[in-house]
Amino acid sequence: MVNRGQVAEMLVMSNYADLSTIEEITDIYIPSRNLWVSDYPFLRQDYFKEVSRLIRDDREERSRNRPRRRPPRERSREIERYYDEEEWG
């Protein structure tokens, strides 16, 4: 069974680098179910899975190495008062 919110990986064809217009979708793979959806398999599924795994591993590695952003500091009351006086004063 396929559920809303599950990750679906697919092979899409487009003439635009930003994929703003997709001409065709050939194969859809749902990794959590190891399920393929297609009229006819256009690609080697073992290769598709391997490329998908490599992309996922690379993305995870980059997110682990990315410096963490600090949450924005809250303004002190004095600073808030300054901005209030500037704006309305």
Protein backbone atom coordinates (compact mmCIF):
# COMPACT_ATOMS: atom_id res chain seq x y z
CA MET A 1 0.00 0.00 0.00
CA VAL A 2 1.20 3.50 -0.82
CA ASN A 3 0.46 6.25 1.69
CA ARG A 4 0.44 10.02 1.44
CA GLY A 5 3.75 11.48 2.59
CA GLN A 6 5.91 8.51 1.61
CA VAL A 7 9.08 9.28 -0.30
CA ALA A 8 8.78 8.49 -4.00
CA GLU A 9 11.83 8.58 -6.23
CA MET A 10 11.27 8.81 -9.94
CA LEU A 11 12.86 9.21 -13.29
CA VAL A 12 11.52 12.33 -14.95
CA MET A 13 12.26 13.83 -18.33
CA SER A 14 12.30 17.54 -18.94
CA ASN A 15 13.78 20.00 -21.41
CA TYR A 16 14.36 22.47 -18.56
CA ALA A 17 17.20 22.33 -16.02
CA ASP A 18 14.90 23.55 -13.25
CA LEU A 19 12.32 20.84 -14.10
CA SER A 20 9.64 23.51 -14.33
CA THR A 21 7.97 21.43 -17.02
CA ILE A 22 8.12 17.67 -16.84
CA GLU A 23 7.57 15.95 -20.15
CA GLU A 24 7.34 12.38 -18.91
CA ILE A 25 7.62 10.21 -15.80
CA THR A 26 8.72 6.67 -16.55
CA ASP A 27 9.54 4.80 -13.34
CA ILE A 28 8.56 5.51 -9.75
CA TYR A 29 10.23 3.78 -6.81
CA ILE A 30 8.95 3.84 -3.23
CA PRO A 31 11.96 2.83 -1.11
CA SER A 32 10.08 2.21 2.14
CA ARG A 33 8.03 -0.47 0.40
CA ASN A 34 10.65 -1.56 -2.16
CA LEU A 35 7.85 -0.99 -4.68
CA TRP A 36 8.13 -0.03 -8.34
CA VAL A 37 5.30 1.69 -10.19
CA SER A 38 5.50 1.90 -13.97
CA ASP A 39 3.80 0.75 -17.13
CA TYR A 40 7.02 -0.75 -18.38
CA PRO A 41 10.44 -0.70 -16.71
CA PHE A 42 12.58 1.69 -18.75
CA LEU A 43 15.64 1.46 -16.57
CA ARG A 44 17.70 -1.04 -14.67
CA GLN A 45 16.18 -1.01 -11.23
CA ASP A 46 19.37 -2.21 -9.53
CA TYR A 47 21.29 0.75 -10.96
CA PHE A 48 18.54 3.18 -10.01
CA LYS A 49 18.58 1.93 -6.40
CA GLU A 50 22.37 2.21 -6.23
CA VAL A 51 22.40 5.78 -7.58
CA SER A 52 19.60 6.68 -5.19
CA ARG A 53 21.59 5.27 -2.26
CA LEU A 54 24.71 7.18 -3.30
CA ILE A 55 22.77 10.45 -3.54
CA ARG A 56 21.14 9.86 -0.16
CA ASP A 57 24.50 9.01 1.48
CA ASP A 58 26.11 12.11 -0.05
CA ARG A 59 23.26 14.33 1.14
CA GLU A 60 23.51 12.92 4.68
CA GLU A 61 27.28 13.38 4.71
CA ARG A 62 26.98 17.02 3.61
CA SER A 63 24.33 17.75 6.25
CA ARG A 64 26.58 16.26 8.97
CA ASN A 65 29.54 18.41 7.87
CA ARG A 66 27.55 21.62 7.42
CA PRO A 67 28.20 24.14 10.22
CA ARG A 68 25.16 24.51 12.38
CA ARG A 69 23.44 27.88 12.38
CA ARG A 70 22.92 29.56 15.69
CA PRO A 71 19.37 30.49 16.55
CA PRO A 72 18.78 34.25 16.35
CA ARG A 73 19.34 36.06 19.64
CA GLU A 74 16.46 37.71 21.32
CA ARG A 75 16.74 41.45 21.66
CA SER A 76 17.21 42.83 25.13
CA ARG A 77 14.58 45.13 26.61
CA GLU A 78 16.94 48.08 26.21
CA ILE A 79 17.31 47.42 22.50
CA GLU A 80 13.56 46.96 22.10
CA ARG A 81 13.01 50.27 23.89
CA TYR A 82 15.52 51.95 21.54
CA TYR A 83 13.72 50.66 18.47
CA ASP A 84 10.37 51.70 19.89
CA GLU A 85 11.67 55.24 20.55
CA GLU A 86 13.24 55.48 17.08
CA GLU A 87 10.10 54.34 15.36
CA TRP A 88 7.60 56.39 17.34
CA GLY A 89 9.73 59.08 18.96
